[in-house]
Amino acid sequence: MKKIGFIRLDIIGKPISKNLIKADYLIIIYDLNSTHIEKLLSEGPEEAISLKDIATEDKIITTMLPNSTYVRAAVINKGGIIGGAKPRMIFLSTQVIEII
């Protein structure tokens, strides 16, 4: 089974991660806020040590970042996801936006 990587465990990422863990998916998590990670680790996910680390296996990666600037930084900056990306990796970017 492929691992699902989650970047940013706030309002949306944490509940989605918890539901996937309950459904027996393998989850790897990354967040700059260590409090978010600590609250979820007891439920069984693996913790990535870096953005690059989260991409080093054949998996699905999803970001829950606030806007495109943060997504670009997470993906293409030094140490970003692209540095560890493998063929057939699936990348999904989701954002919480203001409803018009």
N, C-alpha and C. Protein backbone atom coordinates (compact mmCIF):
# COMPACT_ATOMS: atom_id res chain seq x y z
N MET A 1 0.84 -1.18 0.00
CA MET A 1 0.00 0.00 0.00
C MET A 1 0.89 1.24 0.00
N LYS A 2 0.53 2.22 -0.82
CA LYS A 2 1.28 3.47 -0.86
C LYS A 2 1.02 4.27 0.41
N LYS A 3 2.04 5.00 0.81
CA LYS A 3 1.87 5.92 1.93
C LYS A 3 1.25 7.20 1.40
N ILE A 4 0.52 7.86 2.28
CA ILE A 4 -0.04 9.16 1.96
C ILE A 4 0.68 10.18 2.83
N GLY A 5 1.32 11.12 2.19
CA GLY A 5 2.04 12.16 2.91
C GLY A 5 1.18 13.40 3.06
N PHE A 6 1.15 13.94 4.26
CA PHE A 6 0.40 15.16 4.53
C PHE A 6 1.34 16.26 4.98
N ILE A 7 1.25 17.40 4.31
CA ILE A 7 2.05 18.56 4.68
C ILE A 7 1.08 19.62 5.19
N ARG A 8 1.22 19.93 6.44
CA ARG A 8 0.45 20.90 7.22
C ARG A 8 -0.81 20.26 7.79
N LEU A 9 -0.80 20.18 9.10
CA LEU A 9 -1.86 19.47 9.84
C LEU A 9 -2.71 20.44 10.64
N ASP A 10 -3.36 21.32 9.97
CA ASP A 10 -4.17 22.28 10.72
C ASP A 10 -5.65 21.92 10.62
N ILE A 11 -6.47 22.86 10.29
CA ILE A 11 -7.92 22.71 10.30
C ILE A 11 -8.40 21.57 9.40
N ILE A 12 -7.79 21.40 8.25
CA ILE A 12 -8.22 20.36 7.32
C ILE A 12 -7.31 19.14 7.36
N GLY A 13 -6.02 19.35 7.36
CA GLY A 13 -5.08 18.24 7.29
C GLY A 13 -5.17 17.25 8.44
N LYS A 14 -5.35 17.75 9.64
CA LYS A 14 -5.42 16.86 10.80
C LYS A 14 -6.64 15.93 10.75
N PRO A 15 -7.86 16.45 10.54
CA PRO A 15 -9.00 15.54 10.49
C PRO A 15 -8.94 14.53 9.34
N ILE A 16 -8.45 14.97 8.18
CA ILE A 16 -8.32 14.04 7.06
C ILE A 16 -7.31 12.95 7.40
N SER A 17 -6.18 13.35 7.97
CA SER A 17 -5.16 12.37 8.37
C SER A 17 -5.72 11.37 9.37
N LYS A 18 -6.45 11.86 10.36
CA LYS A 18 -7.04 10.98 11.39
C LYS A 18 -8.00 9.97 10.76
N ASN A 19 -8.82 10.42 9.83
CA ASN A 19 -9.77 9.52 9.18
C ASN A 19 -9.06 8.45 8.35
N LEU A 20 -8.00 8.83 7.67
CA LEU A 20 -7.24 7.85 6.88
C LEU A 20 -6.52 6.85 7.78
N ILE A 21 -6.01 7.31 8.92
CA ILE A 21 -5.38 6.39 9.88
C ILE A 21 -6.41 5.39 10.38
N LYS A 22 -7.60 5.86 10.71
CA LYS A 22 -8.68 4.97 11.17
C LYS A 22 -9.05 3.95 10.11
N ALA A 23 -8.89 4.32 8.83
CA ALA A 23 -9.20 3.42 7.73
C ALA A 23 -8.00 2.55 7.34
N ASP A 24 -6.97 2.53 8.21
CA ASP A 24 -5.77 1.70 8.04
C ASP A 24 -4.85 2.09 6.88
N TYR A 25 -4.84 3.36 6.50
CA TYR A 25 -3.87 3.83 5.51
C TYR A 25 -2.58 4.16 6.23
N LEU A 26 -1.47 4.03 5.52
CA LEU A 26 -0.16 4.41 6.06
C LEU A 26 0.02 5.90 5.79
N ILE A 27 0.27 6.66 6.84
CA ILE A 27 0.36 8.11 6.74
C ILE A 27 1.73 8.58 7.21
N ILE A 28 2.30 9.53 6.48
CA ILE A 28 3.52 10.20 6.91
C ILE A 28 3.19 11.70 6.94
N ILE A 29 3.58 12.37 8.02
CA ILE A 29 3.17 13.76 8.23
C ILE A 29 4.36 14.71 8.36
N TYR A 30 4.12 15.96 7.97
CA TYR A 30 5.12 17.00 8.12
C TYR A 30 4.41 18.32 8.39
N ASP A 31 4.90 19.05 9.35
CA ASP A 31 4.36 20.38 9.66
C ASP A 31 5.45 21.16 10.36
N LEU A 32 5.57 22.44 10.06
CA LEU A 32 6.55 23.28 10.75
C LEU A 32 6.17 23.48 12.21
N ASN A 33 4.88 23.33 12.51
CA ASN A 33 4.39 23.47 13.88
C ASN A 33 4.46 22.11 14.57
N SER A 34 5.45 21.93 15.43
CA SER A 34 5.65 20.63 16.09
C SER A 34 4.47 20.23 16.97
N THR A 35 3.71 21.18 17.45
CA THR A 35 2.54 20.87 18.26
C THR A 35 1.52 20.07 17.46
N HIS A 36 1.32 20.44 16.19
CA HIS A 36 0.40 19.70 15.34
C HIS A 36 0.85 18.25 15.17
N ILE A 37 2.13 18.07 15.00
CA ILE A 37 2.68 16.71 14.82
C ILE A 37 2.54 15.91 16.10
N GLU A 38 2.92 16.49 17.22
CA GLU A 38 2.87 15.77 18.50
C GLU A 38 1.46 15.29 18.83
N LYS A 39 0.46 16.10 18.51
CA LYS A 39 -0.93 15.73 18.80
C LYS A 39 -1.38 14.53 17.97
N LEU A 40 -0.79 14.33 16.80
CA LEU A 40 -1.23 13.26 15.91
C LEU A 40 -0.37 12.00 16.00
N LEU A 41 0.88 12.12 16.43
CA LEU A 41 1.79 10.97 16.44
C LEU A 41 1.28 9.80 17.27
N SER A 42 0.58 10.08 18.33
CA SER A 42 0.08 9.00 19.19
C SER A 42 -0.96 8.13 18.47
N GLU A 43 -1.47 8.61 17.34
CA GLU A 43 -2.48 7.85 16.61
C GLU A 43 -1.88 6.96 15.53
N GLY A 44 -0.55 7.03 15.35
CA GLY A 44 0.11 6.05 14.49
C GLY A 44 0.79 6.50 13.22
N PRO A 45 0.73 7.77 12.81
CA PRO A 45 1.43 8.11 11.57
C PRO A 45 2.94 8.17 11.79
N GLU A 46 3.65 8.13 10.69
CA GLU A 46 5.10 8.30 10.71
C GLU A 46 5.38 9.80 10.53
N GLU A 47 6.45 10.29 11.14
CA GLU A 47 6.81 11.70 11.00
C GLU A 47 7.94 11.85 9.99
N ALA A 48 7.76 12.73 9.02
CA ALA A 48 8.83 13.05 8.07
C ALA A 48 9.74 14.08 8.73
N ILE A 49 11.04 13.97 8.49
CA ILE A 49 11.97 14.93 9.08
C ILE A 49 12.16 16.17 8.21
N SER A 50 11.72 16.08 6.94
CA SER A 50 11.84 17.22 6.03
C SER A 50 10.83 17.07 4.90
N LEU A 51 10.67 18.13 4.13
CA LEU A 51 9.81 18.05 2.95
C LEU A 51 10.35 17.05 1.95
N LYS A 52 11.66 17.07 1.75
CA LYS A 52 12.29 16.11 0.84
C LYS A 52 12.04 14.69 1.32
N ASP A 53 12.13 14.47 2.61
CA ASP A 53 11.93 13.14 3.20
C ASP A 53 10.53 12.61 2.93
N ILE A 54 9.55 13.47 2.94
CA ILE A 54 8.17 13.03 2.74
C ILE A 54 7.96 12.49 1.32
N ALA A 55 8.84 12.87 0.40
CA ALA A 55 8.68 12.46 -1.00
C ALA A 55 9.58 11.31 -1.41
N THR A 56 10.36 10.75 -0.50
CA THR A 56 11.36 9.76 -0.90
C THR A 56 10.81 8.37 -1.19
N GLU A 57 9.55 8.14 -0.91
CA GLU A 57 8.96 6.85 -1.22
C GLU A 57 7.86 7.02 -2.25
N ASP A 58 7.46 5.92 -2.87
CA ASP A 58 6.38 5.94 -3.85
C ASP A 58 5.08 6.18 -3.11
N LYS A 59 4.56 7.38 -3.20
CA LYS A 59 3.38 7.71 -2.40
C LYS A 59 2.58 8.85 -2.99
N ILE A 60 1.50 9.13 -2.33
CA ILE A 60 0.65 10.28 -2.64
C ILE A 60 1.01 11.36 -1.63
N ILE A 61 1.21 12.58 -2.10
CA ILE A 61 1.52 13.68 -1.20
C ILE A 61 0.47 14.76 -1.39
N THR A 62 -0.05 15.25 -0.30
CA THR A 62 -1.00 16.34 -0.36
C THR A 62 -0.57 17.47 0.56
N THR A 63 -0.70 18.68 0.06
CA THR A 63 -0.41 19.84 0.88
C THR A 63 -1.71 20.52 1.26
N MET A 64 -1.73 21.09 2.43
CA MET A 64 -2.88 21.86 2.93
C MET A 64 -2.38 23.26 3.27
N LEU A 65 -1.77 23.90 2.30
CA LEU A 65 -1.12 25.19 2.51
C LEU A 65 -2.03 26.35 2.12
N PRO A 66 -1.80 27.55 2.70
CA PRO A 66 -2.73 28.65 2.51
C PRO A 66 -2.78 29.28 1.12
N ASN A 67 -1.68 29.20 0.36
CA ASN A 67 -1.72 29.80 -0.98
C ASN A 67 -0.56 29.28 -1.84
N SER A 68 -0.55 29.70 -3.09
CA SER A 68 0.42 29.20 -4.05
C SER A 68 1.87 29.52 -3.68
N THR A 69 2.10 30.63 -3.02
CA THR A 69 3.46 30.99 -2.61
C THR A 69 4.04 29.91 -1.69
N TYR A 70 3.24 29.45 -0.74
CA TYR A 70 3.68 28.40 0.19
C TYR A 70 3.85 27.07 -0.54
N VAL A 71 2.97 26.79 -1.48
CA VAL A 71 3.08 25.53 -2.23
C VAL A 71 4.36 25.52 -3.04
N ARG A 72 4.64 26.61 -3.76
CA ARG A 72 5.89 26.70 -4.53
C ARG A 72 7.10 26.48 -3.62
N ALA A 73 7.09 27.12 -2.48
CA ALA A 73 8.21 26.99 -1.54
C ALA A 73 8.37 25.53 -1.09
N ALA A 74 7.28 24.88 -0.78
CA ALA A 74 7.33 23.49 -0.31
C ALA A 74 7.79 22.53 -1.40
N VAL A 75 7.48 22.87 -2.63
CA VAL A 75 7.80 21.95 -3.73
C VAL A 75 9.18 22.21 -4.33
N ILE A 76 9.49 23.46 -4.68
CA ILE A 76 10.70 23.69 -5.48
C ILE A 76 11.87 24.34 -4.75
N ASN A 77 11.66 24.87 -3.56
CA ASN A 77 12.80 25.43 -2.82
C ASN A 77 13.78 24.35 -2.42
N LYS A 78 15.00 24.76 -2.07
CA LYS A 78 16.02 23.82 -1.62
C LYS A 78 15.45 22.99 -0.46
N GLY A 79 15.60 21.67 -0.56
CA GLY A 79 15.07 20.77 0.46
C GLY A 79 13.59 20.47 0.29
N GLY A 80 13.01 20.93 -0.82
CA GLY A 80 11.58 20.73 -1.05
C GLY A 80 11.23 19.35 -1.58
N ILE A 81 9.97 19.15 -1.80
CA ILE A 81 9.43 17.87 -2.24
C ILE A 81 10.11 17.37 -3.51
N ILE A 82 10.35 18.26 -4.45
CA ILE A 82 10.90 17.84 -5.74
C ILE A 82 12.26 17.15 -5.59
N GLY A 83 13.00 17.51 -4.54
CA GLY A 83 14.30 16.88 -4.31
C GLY A 83 14.22 15.41 -3.96
N GLY A 84 13.09 14.95 -3.49
CA GLY A 84 12.93 13.54 -3.14
C GLY A 84 11.91 12.82 -3.99
N ALA A 85 11.33 13.53 -4.96
CA ALA A 85 10.24 12.96 -5.76
C ALA A 85 10.70 11.76 -6.58
N LYS A 86 9.82 10.78 -6.67
CA LYS A 86 10.07 9.56 -7.45
C LYS A 86 9.04 9.47 -8.57
N PRO A 87 9.35 8.70 -9.61
CA PRO A 87 8.35 8.50 -10.67
C PRO A 87 7.05 7.93 -10.09
N ARG A 88 5.96 8.33 -10.66
CA ARG A 88 4.61 7.88 -10.28
C ARG A 88 4.12 8.42 -8.95
N MET A 89 4.83 9.37 -8.38
CA MET A 89 4.33 10.03 -7.18
C MET A 89 3.14 10.89 -7.58
N ILE A 90 2.12 10.91 -6.76
CA ILE A 90 0.95 11.75 -7.00
C ILE A 90 1.03 12.94 -6.05
N PHE A 91 0.87 14.14 -6.59
CA PHE A 91 0.93 15.35 -5.78
C PHE A 91 -0.41 16.06 -5.88
N LEU A 92 -1.00 16.36 -4.73
CA LEU A 92 -2.28 17.03 -4.67
C LEU A 92 -2.14 18.26 -3.77
N SER A 93 -2.48 19.42 -4.32
CA SER A 93 -2.41 20.65 -3.55
C SER A 93 -3.83 21.13 -3.26
N THR A 94 -4.12 21.29 -1.98
CA THR A 94 -5.43 21.81 -1.59
C THR A 94 -5.20 23.06 -0.76
N GLN A 95 -6.14 23.97 -0.81
CA GLN A 95 -6.02 25.22 -0.07
C GLN A 95 -7.36 25.63 0.48
N VAL A 96 -7.31 26.25 1.63
CA VAL A 96 -8.51 26.82 2.21
C VAL A 96 -8.55 28.26 1.73
N ILE A 97 -9.60 28.59 1.02
CA ILE A 97 -9.70 29.95 0.49
C ILE A 97 -10.98 30.61 1.00
N GLU A 98 -10.99 31.90 0.89
CA GLU A 98 -12.17 32.63 1.30
C GLU A 98 -13.29 32.40 0.28
N ILE A 99 -14.47 32.11 0.76
CA ILE A 99 -15.60 31.91 -0.12
C ILE A 99 -16.14 33.27 -0.52
N ILE A 100 -16.35 33.44 -1.79
CA ILE A 100 -16.80 34.73 -2.31
C ILE A 100 -18.32 34.80 -2.30
